[in-house]
N, C-alpha and C. Protein backbone atom coordinates (compact mmCIF):
# COMPACT_ATOMS: atom_id res chain seq x y z
N MET A 1 -2.08 20.49 -22.51
CA MET A 1 -1.79 20.58 -21.06
C MET A 1 -2.86 19.89 -20.04
N SER A 2 -1.81 18.96 -19.72
CA SER A 2 -2.25 18.16 -18.19
C SER A 2 -2.89 19.01 -17.26
N ASN A 3 -3.83 18.90 -16.61
CA ASN A 3 -4.41 19.73 -15.11
C ASN A 3 -4.49 18.54 -13.73
N SER A 4 -3.53 17.61 -13.96
CA SER A 4 -3.60 16.80 -12.81
C SER A 4 -1.69 16.26 -12.53
N PHE A 5 -1.52 16.31 -11.37
CA PHE A 5 -0.22 15.81 -11.40
C PHE A 5 -0.02 15.66 -9.62
N SER A 6 0.74 14.90 -9.42
CA SER A 6 1.33 14.67 -8.08
C SER A 6 2.80 15.39 -7.23
N ILE A 7 2.98 15.55 -6.43
CA ILE A 7 4.39 16.02 -5.73
C ILE A 7 4.29 15.23 -5.02
N LYS A 8 6.03 14.67 -4.93
CA LYS A 8 6.15 13.69 -3.71
C LYS A 8 6.90 14.62 -2.75
N VAL A 9 7.08 14.57 -1.65
CA VAL A 9 7.89 14.66 -0.92
C VAL A 9 8.41 13.71 0.19
N TYR A 10 9.67 13.68 0.20
CA TYR A 10 10.21 12.39 0.87
C TYR A 10 10.86 13.17 2.03
N GLY A 11 10.56 12.09 3.31
CA GLY A 11 11.55 12.99 4.43
C GLY A 11 11.33 11.67 5.56
N ALA A 12 11.39 12.11 6.54
CA ALA A 12 11.89 10.99 8.00
C ALA A 12 10.85 11.69 8.93
N GLU A 13 10.76 11.03 9.77
CA GLU A 13 10.32 11.55 11.10
C GLU A 13 11.47 12.24 11.56
N GLN A 14 12.25 11.94 11.70
CA GLN A 14 13.70 12.56 12.40
C GLN A 14 14.22 13.30 11.47
N LYS A 15 14.63 14.55 11.57
CA LYS A 15 15.20 15.43 10.37
C LYS A 15 16.51 15.41 10.37
N CYS A 16 17.29 15.75 9.19
CA CYS A 16 18.69 15.68 9.18
C CYS A 16 18.90 16.61 10.10
N ALA A 17 20.39 16.61 9.98
CA ALA A 17 21.37 16.96 11.09
C ALA A 17 21.14 18.60 10.83
N SER A 18 21.43 18.55 9.38
CA SER A 18 21.44 19.84 8.84
C SER A 18 20.35 20.77 8.49
N CYS A 19 18.90 20.13 8.72
CA CYS A 19 17.97 20.79 8.87
C CYS A 19 16.92 20.77 10.15
N VAL A 20 17.65 20.83 11.45
CA VAL A 20 17.45 21.17 12.50
C VAL A 20 16.19 22.14 12.71
N HIS A 21 16.48 23.22 11.85
CA HIS A 21 15.94 24.67 12.36
C HIS A 21 14.83 24.57 11.29
N LEU A 22 14.65 23.89 10.19
CA LEU A 22 13.25 24.21 9.61
C LEU A 22 12.39 23.29 9.79
N PRO A 23 11.22 23.26 8.87
CA PRO A 23 10.11 22.58 9.21
C PRO A 23 10.43 21.11 8.67
N SER A 24 9.44 20.42 9.41
CA SER A 24 9.62 18.16 9.18
C SER A 24 9.26 18.47 7.58
N ALA A 25 9.58 17.30 6.93
CA ALA A 25 8.63 16.93 5.69
C ALA A 25 7.95 16.75 5.85
N LYS A 26 6.91 16.40 6.50
CA LYS A 26 5.26 16.28 6.58
C LYS A 26 4.95 17.49 6.46
N GLU A 27 5.62 18.73 7.30
CA GLU A 27 4.86 20.06 7.36
C GLU A 27 4.95 20.67 5.95
N THR A 28 6.59 20.15 5.73
CA THR A 28 6.51 21.16 4.40
C THR A 28 5.73 20.58 3.06
N ALA A 29 5.37 19.05 3.51
CA ALA A 29 4.48 18.57 2.62
C ALA A 29 2.85 19.60 2.34
N GLU A 30 2.57 19.80 3.86
CA GLU A 30 1.11 20.58 4.00
C GLU A 30 1.34 22.01 3.69
N TRP A 31 2.49 22.23 3.63
CA TRP A 31 2.96 23.98 3.44
C TRP A 31 2.63 23.85 1.74
N LEU A 32 3.41 23.50 1.27
CA LEU A 32 3.28 23.27 -0.37
C LEU A 32 1.75 22.89 -0.80
N GLU A 33 0.85 22.16 -0.48
CA GLU A 33 -0.25 21.77 -0.25
C GLU A 33 -1.03 23.05 -0.80
N ALA A 34 -0.79 23.85 0.47
CA ALA A 34 -1.78 24.89 0.74
C ALA A 34 -1.38 26.15 0.04
N ALA A 35 -0.01 26.31 -0.01
CA ALA A 35 0.54 27.53 -1.07
C ALA A 35 0.64 27.18 -2.66
N ILE A 36 0.69 26.01 -3.12
CA ILE A 36 0.44 25.93 -4.36
C ILE A 36 -1.41 25.90 -4.76
N SER A 37 -2.03 25.60 -3.82
CA SER A 37 -3.50 25.79 -3.99
C SER A 37 -3.95 27.10 -3.83
N ARG A 38 -3.26 27.96 -3.43
CA ARG A 38 -3.62 29.43 -3.31
C ARG A 38 -3.26 29.69 -4.78
N LYS A 39 -1.99 29.83 -5.54
CA LYS A 39 -1.49 29.75 -6.21
C LYS A 39 -2.29 29.58 -7.80
N PHE A 40 -2.62 28.37 -7.50
CA PHE A 40 -3.27 27.53 -8.61
C PHE A 40 -4.67 27.08 -8.30
N PRO A 41 -5.67 27.94 -8.05
CA PRO A 41 -6.55 27.65 -7.70
C PRO A 41 -7.65 26.24 -8.02
N ASN A 42 -7.17 26.51 -9.32
CA ASN A 42 -7.97 25.82 -10.33
C ASN A 42 -7.34 24.26 -10.73
N LEU A 43 -6.32 23.86 -10.15
CA LEU A 43 -5.23 22.91 -10.50
C LEU A 43 -5.47 21.86 -9.62
N LEU A 44 -5.72 20.42 -10.50
CA LEU A 44 -5.77 19.51 -9.59
C LEU A 44 -4.24 19.00 -9.46
N PHE A 45 -3.89 18.70 -8.60
CA PHE A 45 -3.33 18.04 -7.74
C PHE A 45 -3.07 17.25 -6.32
N ASN A 46 -2.06 16.69 -6.14
CA ASN A 46 -2.19 15.81 -4.74
C ASN A 46 -0.42 16.36 -4.48
N VAL A 47 -0.40 16.38 -3.08
CA VAL A 47 0.97 16.40 -2.38
C VAL A 47 1.16 15.25 -1.48
N LEU A 48 1.89 14.27 -1.59
CA LEU A 48 2.23 13.26 -1.29
C LEU A 48 3.36 13.13 -0.14
N TYR A 49 3.44 12.96 1.17
CA TYR A 49 4.33 12.85 2.07
C TYR A 49 4.87 11.21 1.57
N ILE A 50 6.18 11.04 1.73
CA ILE A 50 6.76 9.52 1.63
C ILE A 50 7.55 9.41 2.80
N ASP A 51 7.13 8.63 3.81
CA ASP A 51 8.21 8.26 4.77
C ASP A 51 9.50 7.44 4.36
N MET A 52 10.63 8.03 4.19
CA MET A 52 12.02 7.44 3.42
C MET A 52 11.87 5.62 4.17
N GLU A 53 11.69 5.80 5.82
CA GLU A 53 11.93 4.66 6.48
C GLU A 53 10.67 3.77 6.11
N ASN A 54 9.58 4.15 5.85
CA ASN A 54 8.33 3.05 5.57
C ASN A 54 7.96 3.45 4.42
N THR A 55 8.38 3.13 3.37
CA THR A 55 8.06 2.73 2.26
C THR A 55 6.65 2.07 1.49
N GLU A 56 5.85 2.65 0.59
CA GLU A 56 4.83 1.42 0.82
C GLU A 56 4.81 0.85 -0.80
N ASN A 57 5.63 1.49 -1.47
CA ASN A 57 6.05 0.75 -2.91
C ASN A 57 7.51 0.54 -3.29
N GLU A 58 7.51 0.12 -4.12
CA GLU A 58 9.41 -0.28 -4.62
C GLU A 58 9.81 1.09 -5.01
N ILE A 59 8.71 1.80 -6.30
CA ILE A 59 9.46 3.18 -6.73
C ILE A 59 9.93 4.19 -5.28
N ASP A 60 8.94 4.50 -4.34
CA ASP A 60 9.46 5.00 -3.31
C ASP A 60 10.74 4.43 -2.57
N GLN A 61 10.71 3.57 -2.11
CA GLN A 61 12.10 2.62 -1.80
C GLN A 61 13.27 2.93 -2.15
N VAL A 62 13.21 2.90 -4.07
CA VAL A 62 14.14 2.93 -4.62
C VAL A 62 14.76 4.84 -4.81
N PHE A 63 13.50 5.62 -4.57
CA PHE A 63 13.91 6.99 -4.26
C PHE A 63 14.40 7.37 -3.22
N SER A 64 14.00 6.45 -2.10
CA SER A 64 14.29 6.84 -0.60
C SER A 64 15.96 6.43 -0.50
N GLU A 65 16.32 5.23 -1.56
CA GLU A 65 17.72 5.05 -1.29
C GLU A 65 18.42 5.82 -1.94
N ARG A 66 18.50 6.43 -2.75
CA ARG A 66 19.43 7.39 -3.63
C ARG A 66 19.19 8.56 -2.96
N ILE A 67 18.18 9.02 -2.20
CA ILE A 67 18.40 10.08 -1.08
C ILE A 67 19.54 9.98 -0.02
N VAL A 68 19.76 8.92 0.23
CA VAL A 68 20.38 8.39 1.45
C VAL A 68 22.05 8.65 0.78
N GLU A 69 21.78 7.40 -0.42
CA GLU A 69 23.20 7.32 -1.18
C GLU A 69 23.47 9.03 -1.97
N GLU A 70 22.93 9.49 -2.36
CA GLU A 70 23.68 10.87 -2.79
C GLU A 70 23.61 11.98 -1.39
N ASP A 71 23.22 11.44 -0.33
CA ASP A 71 23.61 12.33 1.06
C ASP A 71 22.26 13.95 0.50
N LEU A 72 21.33 13.92 -0.22
CA LEU A 72 20.28 14.65 -0.40
C LEU A 72 20.04 15.18 1.23
N PHE A 73 19.61 16.45 1.14
CA PHE A 73 18.84 16.84 2.65
C PHE A 73 17.49 17.11 2.16
N TYR A 74 16.77 16.50 3.22
CA TYR A 74 15.56 16.18 3.23
C TYR A 74 14.58 17.19 4.10
N PRO A 75 13.54 17.42 3.60
CA PRO A 75 12.51 16.93 2.67
C PRO A 75 13.16 17.27 1.30
N VAL A 76 12.81 16.16 0.48
CA VAL A 76 13.20 15.76 -1.01
C VAL A 76 12.01 16.40 -1.71
N VAL A 77 11.72 17.31 -2.85
CA VAL A 77 10.89 17.33 -3.24
C VAL A 77 10.70 16.78 -4.68
N VAL A 78 9.56 16.01 -5.48
CA VAL A 78 10.18 15.54 -6.47
C VAL A 78 8.77 15.72 -7.20
N ILE A 79 8.81 16.14 -8.60
CA ILE A 79 7.58 16.33 -9.47
C ILE A 79 8.21 15.61 -10.63
N ASP A 80 7.22 14.69 -11.35
CA ASP A 80 7.24 14.00 -12.27
C ASP A 80 8.76 12.93 -12.04
N GLY A 81 8.98 12.55 -11.03
CA GLY A 81 10.36 11.78 -10.89
C GLY A 81 11.75 12.42 -10.92
N GLU A 82 11.21 13.86 -10.70
CA GLU A 82 12.57 14.91 -10.94
C GLU A 82 12.88 15.67 -9.64
N VAL A 83 13.93 15.46 -9.11
CA VAL A 83 14.11 16.56 -7.87
C VAL A 83 14.08 17.87 -8.23
N VAL A 84 13.39 18.40 -7.78
CA VAL A 84 13.37 20.10 -8.24
C VAL A 84 13.56 20.79 -6.85
N ALA A 85 13.37 20.37 -5.53
CA ALA A 85 14.39 20.84 -4.51
C ALA A 85 14.53 19.81 -3.64
N GLU A 86 15.36 20.66 -2.47
CA GLU A 86 16.02 19.78 -1.03
C GLU A 86 16.15 20.67 0.08
N GLY A 87 16.14 19.88 1.27
CA GLY A 87 16.20 20.90 1.87
C GLY A 87 14.99 22.08 2.38
N ASN A 88 15.00 23.16 2.20
CA ASN A 88 14.08 24.13 2.28
C ASN A 88 13.69 24.65 1.16
N PRO A 89 12.70 24.44 0.26
CA PRO A 89 12.22 24.41 -1.06
C PRO A 89 11.64 25.91 -1.27
N ASN A 90 12.05 26.26 -2.11
CA ASN A 90 11.91 27.86 -2.48
C ASN A 90 10.48 27.81 -3.59
N LEU A 91 9.28 28.30 -3.14
CA LEU A 91 8.35 28.61 -3.70
C LEU A 91 8.13 28.64 -5.26
N LYS A 92 9.07 29.95 -5.57
CA LYS A 92 9.11 30.76 -6.70
C LYS A 92 9.49 29.26 -7.84
N THR A 93 10.56 28.85 -7.33
CA THR A 93 11.19 27.52 -7.97
C THR A 93 10.16 26.39 -8.15
N ILE A 94 8.93 25.95 -7.41
CA ILE A 94 8.21 25.23 -7.52
C ILE A 94 7.29 25.62 -8.31
N TYR A 95 7.05 26.82 -8.63
CA TYR A 95 5.64 27.24 -9.27
C TYR A 95 5.91 27.80 -10.05
N ALA A 96 7.85 27.77 -11.09
CA ALA A 96 8.01 28.05 -12.23
C ALA A 96 8.20 26.67 -12.80
N ILE A 97 8.26 25.25 -12.22
CA ILE A 97 8.61 24.16 -12.37
C ILE A 97 6.80 23.76 -12.87
N ILE A 98 6.11 24.00 -12.24
CA ILE A 98 4.71 23.57 -12.32
C ILE A 98 4.41 24.17 -13.85
N GLU A 99 4.32 25.55 -14.21
CA GLU A 99 4.40 26.44 -14.86
C GLU A 99 4.70 25.76 -16.25
N GLN A 100 6.51 25.44 -16.37
CA GLN A 100 7.21 24.74 -17.42
C GLN A 100 6.50 23.45 -17.64
N ASN A 101 5.93 22.71 -16.68
CA ASN A 101 5.24 21.79 -17.26
C ASN A 101 3.97 21.67 -17.60
N GLY A 102 3.47 22.42 -17.84
CA GLY A 102 2.14 23.06 -18.66
C GLY A 102 1.26 22.13 -17.64
N TYR A 103 1.24 22.40 -16.01
CA TYR A 103 0.22 22.22 -15.53
C TYR A 103 -0.62 23.36 -15.10
N GLY A 104 -0.12 24.48 -15.05
CA GLY A 104 -0.96 25.75 -14.23
C GLY A 104 -0.32 26.58 -15.20
N ALA A 105 -1.59 27.51 -15.59
CA ALA A 105 -1.48 28.70 -16.02
C ALA A 105 -0.54 30.12 -15.35
N VAL A 106 -0.13 30.67 -15.81
CA VAL A 106 0.75 32.09 -15.24
C VAL A 106 -0.56 32.76 -14.68
N SER A 107 -0.29 32.91 -13.34
CA SER A 107 -1.82 33.83 -12.65
C SER A 107 -1.23 35.30 -12.10
């Protein structure tokens, strides 16, 4: 079982038109980090906010382009290169994915 992983939260400063009343992608990243830390206190992980309009590497640039091309609602939450949530992420779903991937034990 691996005990360390990263979650990427892709978004932009300006919210998508359908997401006006939701938290920003940056706020979502902070919220996810806090919630996962409470649920899995011994888990080593980090949550990275990726600004789709100002990516720092080619992998994030390609993923950002995919989000635009596929009209995904951001923030888009990615674990191990797989989109696990878009728009307003569901914590139970994220927790289940973390457990299914062997990162955290059921508490």
